[in-house]
Amino acid sequence: MLPCAYKQLFGISCPLCGFQRSVLCLIDGDVIGSIKMFPPLLFLILTTIISCICYLRKKRSKIKIVKILWIGLLCLLIANAFYQNLNIVF
């Protein structure tokens, strides 16, 4: 797996730390392990699929929902990064 350059430079976890391991766990069929490694992964997949469907079908009326999903995902990523870094500090 690729090392996290952000973590090597600054010594703290980036918002996507654990993503690679989580995807590998999900591919192996270990959903619980995937959620433990990187909790926002399933929401990221769901948001990406919904965004692609709305983009391909050109549903302009669903743009608000897609924006809310991406903002929610951003909040989850930030919360996950804070949680990971709190575990490192304490």
Protein backbone atom coordinates (compact mmCIF):
# COMPACT_ATOMS: atom_id res chain seq x y z
CA MET A 1 0.00 0.00 0.00
CA LEU A 2 1.05 3.57 -0.55
CA PRO A 3 2.33 5.39 2.54
CA CYS A 4 0.53 8.56 3.61
CA ALA A 5 2.79 11.48 2.73
CA TYR A 6 0.72 13.84 4.88
CA LYS A 7 1.19 11.67 7.95
CA GLN A 8 4.92 11.30 7.26
CA LEU A 9 5.39 15.07 6.90
CA PHE A 10 3.19 16.34 9.73
CA GLY A 11 2.90 13.33 12.04
CA ILE A 12 -0.90 13.43 12.15
CA SER A 13 -3.53 11.56 10.17
CA CYS A 14 -5.02 13.11 7.05
CA PRO A 15 -8.79 13.06 6.43
CA LEU A 16 -8.39 10.01 4.16
CA CYS A 17 -6.08 7.91 6.36
CA GLY A 18 -7.36 4.36 6.39
CA PHE A 19 -9.09 4.65 3.01
CA GLN A 20 -6.86 2.11 1.22
CA ARG A 21 -7.14 -0.49 3.97
CA SER A 22 -10.88 0.07 4.15
CA VAL A 23 -11.34 -0.49 0.42
CA LEU A 24 -9.28 -3.70 0.62
CA CYS A 25 -11.42 -4.94 3.53
CA LEU A 26 -14.57 -4.13 1.56
CA ILE A 27 -13.25 -5.99 -1.49
CA ASP A 28 -12.53 -9.00 0.74
CA GLY A 29 -16.12 -8.83 1.98
CA ASP A 30 -15.32 -7.62 5.49
CA VAL A 31 -17.84 -4.78 5.78
CA ILE A 32 -17.43 -4.38 9.56
CA GLY A 33 -13.63 -4.23 9.22
CA SER A 34 -14.03 -1.69 6.43
CA ILE A 35 -16.21 0.53 8.62
CA LYS A 36 -13.71 0.25 11.49
CA MET A 37 -10.81 1.28 9.24
CA PHE A 38 -12.54 4.24 7.56
CA PRO A 39 -16.15 4.94 8.64
CA PRO A 40 -17.06 7.46 5.86
CA LEU A 41 -16.28 4.97 3.05
CA LEU A 42 -19.81 3.64 2.56
CA PHE A 43 -21.25 7.18 2.61
CA LEU A 44 -18.56 8.20 0.09
CA ILE A 45 -19.56 5.36 -2.23
CA LEU A 46 -23.26 6.19 -1.87
CA THR A 47 -22.69 9.90 -2.51
CA THR A 48 -20.55 9.18 -5.58
CA ILE A 49 -23.13 6.80 -7.06
CA ILE A 50 -26.02 9.23 -6.50
CA SER A 51 -23.97 12.11 -7.96
CA CYS A 52 -23.09 10.09 -11.07
CA ILE A 53 -26.69 9.01 -11.59
CA CYS A 54 -27.96 12.59 -11.29
CA TYR A 55 -25.22 13.85 -13.61
CA LEU A 56 -25.81 11.19 -16.26
CA ARG A 57 -29.58 11.63 -16.18
CA LYS A 58 -29.14 15.40 -16.10
CA LYS A 59 -31.54 15.77 -13.20
CA ARG A 60 -31.12 19.46 -12.39
CA SER A 61 -33.84 19.21 -9.75
CA LYS A 62 -31.69 16.84 -7.68
CA ILE A 63 -28.67 19.19 -7.53
CA LYS A 64 -29.64 20.38 -4.04
CA ILE A 65 -29.69 16.83 -2.69
CA VAL A 66 -26.28 16.11 -4.24
CA LYS A 67 -24.82 19.27 -2.69
CA ILE A 68 -26.21 18.32 0.72
CA LEU A 69 -24.71 14.83 0.38
CA TRP A 70 -21.25 16.21 -0.50
CA ILE A 71 -21.38 18.71 2.37
CA GLY A 72 -22.38 15.88 4.71
CA LEU A 73 -19.50 13.78 3.40
CA LEU A 74 -17.08 16.64 3.96
CA CYS A 75 -18.30 16.95 7.55
CA LEU A 76 -17.85 13.20 8.07
CA LEU A 77 -14.30 13.33 6.67
CA ILE A 78 -13.37 16.22 8.96
CA ALA A 79 -14.93 14.50 11.98
CA ASN A 80 -13.09 11.28 11.13
CA ALA A 81 -9.78 13.13 10.86
CA PHE A 82 -10.31 14.79 14.25
CA TYR A 83 -11.23 11.44 15.80
CA GLN A 84 -8.15 9.71 14.36
CA ASN A 85 -5.88 12.49 15.56
CA LEU A 86 -7.41 12.50 19.04
CA ASN A 87 -6.52 8.81 19.27
CA ILE A 88 -2.92 9.61 18.29
CA VAL A 89 -2.54 12.41 20.84
CA PHE A 90 -4.14 10.61 23.77
